[in-house]
Amino acid sequence: MNLPTGESAEQQRASGFKQDLEHLRQVPLFQNLEYECLKLLTMLTRKIELIEGDQLMVQGEDDGNAYLVTTGKLESFHTRDATRYHIQWYEAGQFVGSFALLGTSIRLFTVEAVEKSTLLRINRIGFQKVMQKFPDAMMRIGANLADEVSGWEQDQLNRADGGILERPELVLGISLL
């Protein structure tokens, strides 16, 4: 008797792993990492699914995780005096929360799903164990993070219509840290 010709569970896991590895390979923070290091990071990721209204991060908490959005859309916002201030949208391919991988990082913003979303979660403890095995990777990640911060700040200057330079302390100077 012949079995149906669908993929086996093992083939599906292998295919999912390859897809997750490819997703992580596209993250600017992980550019130019050794393949073995990226493989270990991929093994540590966990796929999570959110529905509209689920909170991924909560202002004032340290969850120790970073996330890669693979499908869907999220919103980050800051709440002050019961008023919710929109910060940014996150969509497929965007990585959020990278500072949490490096150490304690109290969230200044809440991130919430605005539609059904799938993400890959990387935990700080697992990330740091991988970095112990690949110490050169931490140097590359540090350089990538500096490039991202500097690029973000340059984008802010490029988009400025003059108004941003009247109160530059609101968004500029991060690359001077």
Protein backbone atom coordinates (compact mmCIF):
# COMPACT_ATOMS: atom_id res chain seq x y z
CA MET A 1 0.00 0.00 0.00
CA ASN A 2 1.38 3.40 -0.97
CA LEU A 3 1.22 6.35 1.37
CA PRO A 4 0.10 9.81 0.19
CA THR A 5 2.97 11.79 -1.34
CA GLY A 6 2.75 14.77 1.03
CA GLU A 7 5.78 16.06 2.93
CA SER A 8 6.69 14.16 6.07
CA ALA A 9 6.78 15.98 9.40
CA GLU A 10 10.59 15.86 9.26
CA GLN A 11 10.63 17.42 5.79
CA GLN A 12 8.27 20.16 6.96
CA ARG A 13 10.52 20.92 9.96
CA ALA A 14 13.58 21.05 7.71
CA SER A 15 11.76 23.33 5.29
CA GLY A 16 10.61 25.57 8.16
CA PHE A 17 14.15 25.70 9.54
CA LYS A 18 15.56 26.75 6.15
CA GLN A 19 12.89 29.42 5.84
CA ASP A 20 13.60 30.73 9.36
CA LEU A 21 17.35 30.72 8.63
CA GLU A 22 16.75 32.74 5.49
CA HIS A 23 14.58 35.21 7.42
CA LEU A 24 17.34 35.73 10.02
CA ARG A 25 19.96 36.07 7.30
CA GLN A 26 18.07 39.15 6.05
CA VAL A 27 18.14 40.90 9.44
CA PRO A 28 20.68 43.77 9.29
CA LEU A 29 21.82 43.00 12.84
CA PHE A 30 22.91 39.51 11.75
CA GLN A 31 24.66 40.47 8.50
CA ASN A 32 28.02 38.77 7.86
CA LEU A 33 27.72 36.27 10.71
CA GLU A 34 29.30 32.85 10.27
CA TYR A 35 26.87 30.29 8.91
CA GLU A 36 27.25 28.04 11.97
CA CYS A 37 26.47 30.94 14.29
CA LEU A 38 23.37 31.87 12.29
CA LYS A 39 22.32 28.22 12.30
CA LEU A 40 22.51 28.09 16.10
CA LEU A 41 20.53 31.31 16.41
CA THR A 42 17.89 29.85 14.09
CA MET A 43 17.67 26.71 16.24
CA LEU A 44 16.92 28.91 19.24
CA THR A 45 14.10 30.87 17.60
CA ARG A 46 10.50 30.11 18.43
CA LYS A 47 7.66 30.90 16.11
CA ILE A 48 4.84 32.81 17.77
CA GLU A 49 1.49 33.88 16.43
CA LEU A 50 -0.48 36.92 17.51
CA ILE A 51 -4.00 38.03 16.80
CA GLU A 52 -5.18 41.62 16.61
CA GLY A 53 -4.81 43.28 20.00
CA ASP A 54 -2.19 40.88 21.40
CA GLN A 55 0.69 42.74 23.03
CA LEU A 56 4.17 41.60 22.10
CA MET A 57 6.03 44.00 24.39
CA VAL A 58 4.73 46.01 27.31
CA GLN A 59 6.01 49.43 28.31
CA GLY A 60 7.96 49.22 31.58
CA GLU A 61 8.81 45.51 31.33
CA ASP A 62 11.94 43.59 30.34
CA ASP A 63 10.96 40.40 28.53
CA GLY A 64 14.49 39.60 27.29
CA ASN A 65 13.35 38.91 23.74
CA ALA A 66 13.79 40.30 20.25
CA TYR A 67 11.40 39.54 17.42
CA LEU A 68 11.42 39.28 13.65
CA VAL A 69 8.07 39.94 12.00
CA THR A 70 7.51 37.34 9.26
CA THR A 71 3.86 38.14 8.50
CA GLY A 72 1.34 40.72 9.66
CA LYS A 73 1.58 44.20 11.10
CA LEU A 74 2.39 45.60 14.54
CA GLU A 75 2.20 49.06 16.08
CA SER A 76 4.50 50.50 18.71
CA PHE A 77 3.22 53.24 20.98
CA HIS A 78 4.10 55.05 24.19
CA THR A 79 1.49 55.73 26.85
CA ARG A 80 1.69 58.77 29.08
CA ASP A 81 -1.12 60.13 31.28
CA ALA A 82 -3.57 57.66 29.71
CA THR A 83 -2.80 59.00 26.22
CA ARG A 84 -1.45 56.61 23.61
CA TYR A 85 1.19 58.09 21.27
CA HIS A 86 1.86 56.20 18.03
CA ILE A 87 5.57 55.59 17.38
CA GLN A 88 6.01 53.23 14.45
CA TRP A 89 4.55 50.39 12.35
CA TYR A 90 6.36 47.06 11.96
CA GLU A 91 5.76 44.72 9.04
CA ALA A 92 7.25 41.55 7.57
CA GLY A 93 11.04 41.63 7.52
CA GLN A 94 11.44 44.11 10.37
CA PHE A 95 13.31 43.24 13.55
CA VAL A 96 12.21 44.76 16.84
CA GLY A 97 13.76 44.72 20.30
CA SER A 98 17.40 44.00 19.47
CA PHE A 99 18.74 45.85 22.54
CA ALA A 100 17.02 43.26 24.74
CA LEU A 101 19.45 40.65 23.42
CA LEU A 102 22.43 42.59 24.74
CA GLY A 103 21.28 43.04 28.32
CA THR A 104 18.52 44.33 30.55
CA SER A 105 16.29 46.57 28.45
CA ILE A 106 13.20 48.02 30.07
CA ARG A 107 10.71 48.64 27.28
CA LEU A 108 9.87 52.29 26.70
CA PHE A 109 7.08 51.33 24.31
CA THR A 110 4.30 48.80 23.96
CA VAL A 111 4.15 46.80 20.72
CA GLU A 112 0.79 45.37 19.73
CA ALA A 113 -0.51 43.35 16.78
CA VAL A 114 -2.93 45.29 14.57
CA GLU A 115 -3.67 42.14 12.56
CA LYS A 116 -2.87 38.44 12.70
CA SER A 117 0.94 38.23 12.74
CA THR A 118 3.67 35.60 12.87
CA LEU A 119 7.05 36.32 14.42
CA LEU A 120 10.30 34.61 15.26
CA ARG A 121 11.35 35.17 18.87
CA ILE A 122 14.97 35.11 20.04
CA ASN A 123 15.61 34.99 23.77
CA ARG A 124 18.47 36.92 25.43
CA ILE A 125 19.83 33.92 27.36
CA GLY A 126 20.06 31.72 24.27
CA PHE A 127 21.48 34.56 22.20
CA GLN A 128 24.21 35.23 24.77
CA LYS A 129 25.15 31.54 24.92
CA VAL A 130 25.59 31.53 21.14
CA MET A 131 27.72 34.67 21.39
CA GLN A 132 29.98 32.90 23.91
CA LYS A 133 30.59 30.18 21.32
CA PHE A 134 31.19 32.77 18.58
CA PRO A 135 32.89 35.78 20.21
CA ASP A 136 33.76 37.33 16.84
CA ALA A 137 30.05 37.43 16.05
CA MET A 138 29.47 39.85 18.91
CA MET A 139 31.94 42.29 17.34
CA ARG A 140 30.10 42.01 14.01
CA ILE A 141 26.73 42.50 15.70
CA GLY A 142 28.06 45.56 17.54
CA ALA A 143 29.26 47.04 14.25
CA ASN A 144 25.93 46.22 12.57
CA LEU A 145 24.02 47.86 15.42
CA ALA A 146 26.16 50.99 15.17
CA ASP A 147 25.51 51.09 11.41
CA GLU A 148 21.76 50.76 11.99
CA VAL A 149 21.64 53.53 14.60
CA SER A 150 23.75 55.84 12.48
CA GLY A 151 21.64 55.06 9.39
CA TRP A 152 18.43 55.72 11.29
CA GLU A 153 19.75 59.03 12.54
CA GLN A 154 20.87 60.03 9.02
CA ASP A 155 17.38 59.15 7.73
CA GLN A 156 15.90 61.49 10.35
CA LEU A 157 18.16 64.30 9.16
CA ASN A 158 17.36 63.58 5.50
CA ARG A 159 13.62 63.64 6.16
CA ALA A 160 13.83 66.83 8.19
CA ASP A 161 11.92 69.76 6.81
CA GLY A 162 13.78 72.06 9.15
CA GLY A 163 11.43 71.40 12.06
CA ILE A 164 13.49 68.53 13.44
CA LEU A 165 16.55 70.75 13.72
CA GLU A 166 14.65 73.20 15.93
CA ARG A 167 14.42 70.47 18.65
CA PRO A 168 17.19 68.03 17.69
CA GLU A 169 17.40 66.62 21.20
CA LEU A 170 14.11 64.84 20.51
CA VAL A 171 15.55 62.49 17.89
CA LEU A 172 19.21 63.20 17.24
CA GLY A 173 22.45 62.43 19.00
CA ILE A 174 21.94 58.71 19.52
CA SER A 175 25.03 57.94 17.44
CA LEU A 176 27.02 60.07 19.88
CA LEU A 177 26.40 57.62 22.74
